[in-house]
Protein backbone atom coordinates (compact mmCIF):
# COMPACT_ATOMS: atom_id res chain seq x y z
CA UNK A 1 29.10 16.67 97.03
CA UNK A 2 29.08 12.87 97.13
CA UNK A 3 32.36 10.97 96.70
CA UNK A 4 32.78 7.49 95.27
CA UNK A 5 36.02 5.49 95.50
CA UNK A 6 37.15 4.44 92.03
CA UNK A 7 40.36 2.63 92.99
CA UNK A 8 43.92 3.16 94.15
CA UNK A 9 47.51 2.95 92.95
CA UNK A 10 50.92 2.81 94.62
CA UNK A 11 53.48 5.51 93.96
CA UNK A 12 56.83 5.49 95.83
CA UNK A 13 55.56 4.51 99.27
CA UNK A 14 52.28 6.36 98.84
CA UNK A 15 48.86 4.90 98.32
CA UNK A 16 46.92 7.18 95.99
CA UNK A 17 43.14 6.89 96.08
CA UNK A 18 41.05 7.98 93.12
CA UNK A 19 37.64 9.42 93.97
CA UNK A 20 34.85 10.72 91.82
CA UNK A 21 32.80 13.59 93.20
CA UNK A 22 29.30 14.39 92.03
CA UNK A 23 27.59 17.61 93.06
CA UNK A 24 24.01 18.84 92.84
CA UNK A 25 24.47 19.62 89.13
CA UNK A 26 25.33 15.90 88.53
CA UNK A 27 28.72 16.80 87.02
CA UNK A 28 31.41 14.27 87.87
CA UNK A 29 34.84 15.51 88.97
CA UNK A 30 37.92 13.38 89.66
CA UNK A 31 39.93 13.75 92.88
CA UNK A 32 43.11 12.13 94.20
CA UNK A 33 44.12 11.73 97.83
CA UNK A 34 47.50 10.28 98.74
CA UNK A 35 48.61 8.77 102.05
CA UNK A 36 52.14 7.84 103.15
CA UNK A 37 52.23 4.13 104.05
CA UNK A 38 55.19 4.56 106.42
CA UNK A 39 53.28 7.17 108.41
CA UNK A 40 50.14 5.04 108.72
CA UNK A 41 52.26 2.29 110.27
CA UNK A 42 53.82 4.83 112.63
CA UNK A 43 50.39 5.94 113.86
CA UNK A 44 48.81 2.47 113.90
CA UNK A 45 46.28 3.21 111.16
CA UNK A 46 44.96 0.13 109.40
CA UNK A 47 45.19 0.06 105.61
CA UNK A 48 41.51 -0.87 105.35
CA UNK A 49 40.61 2.38 107.16
CA UNK A 50 42.47 4.57 104.66
CA UNK A 51 39.74 4.95 102.01
CA UNK A 52 37.28 6.43 104.53
CA UNK A 53 39.94 8.62 106.09
CA UNK A 54 40.97 9.92 102.67
CA UNK A 55 37.34 10.56 101.77
CA UNK A 56 37.05 12.64 104.94
CA UNK A 57 39.83 14.86 103.56
CA UNK A 58 37.62 15.55 100.54
CA UNK A 59 34.53 16.14 102.68
CA UNK A 60 36.40 18.75 104.72
CA UNK A 61 37.80 20.59 101.70
CA UNK A 62 36.61 24.04 100.79
CA UNK A 63 34.02 24.17 98.01
CA UNK A 64 35.47 27.52 96.98
CA UNK A 65 38.53 25.92 95.34
CA UNK A 66 37.18 23.78 92.49
CA UNK A 67 40.51 23.75 90.62
CA UNK A 68 42.25 21.90 93.48
CA UNK A 69 41.79 18.17 92.88
CA UNK A 70 44.84 16.52 94.49
CA UNK A 71 45.10 16.22 98.27
CA UNK A 72 47.25 14.54 100.91
CA UNK A 73 46.17 12.80 104.08
CA UNK A 74 48.61 14.68 106.30
CA UNK A 75 50.60 13.57 109.32
CA UNK A 76 48.64 16.04 111.46
CA UNK A 77 45.39 14.33 110.45
CA UNK A 78 46.95 10.93 111.21
CA UNK A 79 48.01 12.15 114.65
CA UNK A 80 44.47 13.35 115.36
CA UNK A 81 42.98 10.05 114.15
CA UNK A 82 45.39 8.05 116.34
CA UNK A 83 44.47 10.15 119.40
CA UNK A 84 40.73 9.79 118.70
CA UNK A 85 41.11 6.02 118.26
CA UNK A 86 42.99 5.69 121.55
CA UNK A 87 40.22 7.61 123.33
CA UNK A 88 37.55 5.36 121.79
CA UNK A 89 39.46 2.21 122.77
CA UNK A 90 39.85 3.32 126.38
CA UNK A 91 36.15 4.24 126.58
CA UNK A 92 35.22 0.82 125.17
CA UNK A 93 37.46 -0.91 127.70
CA UNK A 94 35.64 0.85 130.53
CA UNK A 95 32.27 -0.25 129.18
CA UNK A 96 33.10 -3.96 129.18
CA UNK A 97 30.71 -6.24 131.01
CA UNK A 98 31.45 -7.14 134.59
CA UNK A 99 32.84 -10.64 134.93
CA UNK A 100 30.51 -13.46 135.89
CA UNK A 101 30.67 -15.01 139.32
CA UNK A 102 33.26 -17.76 139.50
CA UNK A 103 32.07 -21.33 139.30
CA UNK A 104 31.60 -22.82 142.76
CA UNK A 105 32.41 -26.34 143.94
CA UNK A 106 28.68 -27.11 144.24
CA UNK A 107 28.00 -26.69 140.54
CA UNK A 108 25.97 -29.64 139.31
CA UNK A 109 25.51 -31.20 142.75
CA UNK A 110 21.72 -30.96 142.50
CA UNK A 111 21.54 -33.44 139.65
CA UNK A 112 24.49 -35.64 140.61
CA UNK A 113 23.22 -36.76 143.95
CA UNK A 114 25.33 -37.92 146.86
CA UNK A 115 28.61 -39.58 145.88
CA UNK A 116 29.49 -42.61 147.98
CA UNK A 117 33.01 -44.01 147.99
CA UNK A 118 33.16 -47.60 148.46
């Protein structure tokens, strides 16, 4: 099933995302995924990442329960995302380029020539 974000609303500290799912039979089905804004701050999740994270909730859902159309991005999922993000950040920090050699005192001396005081 493919999911398309249709928009979002706010409801008592929750951000509720509206998705539209379309399966192989081309029938469109509406879904809602809510996320607690206080919890995303607690786990350092950026608001702009929420739509993709909420869509992942839909992608992981069981196809055997078509009547279930409202979901929650849980605190357990937020904890897992925060741990994965920390691992990615530490791996990226290790991959940083090695620093360049420091600038020496002789830099530019080839084109400046000999300096005479006097």
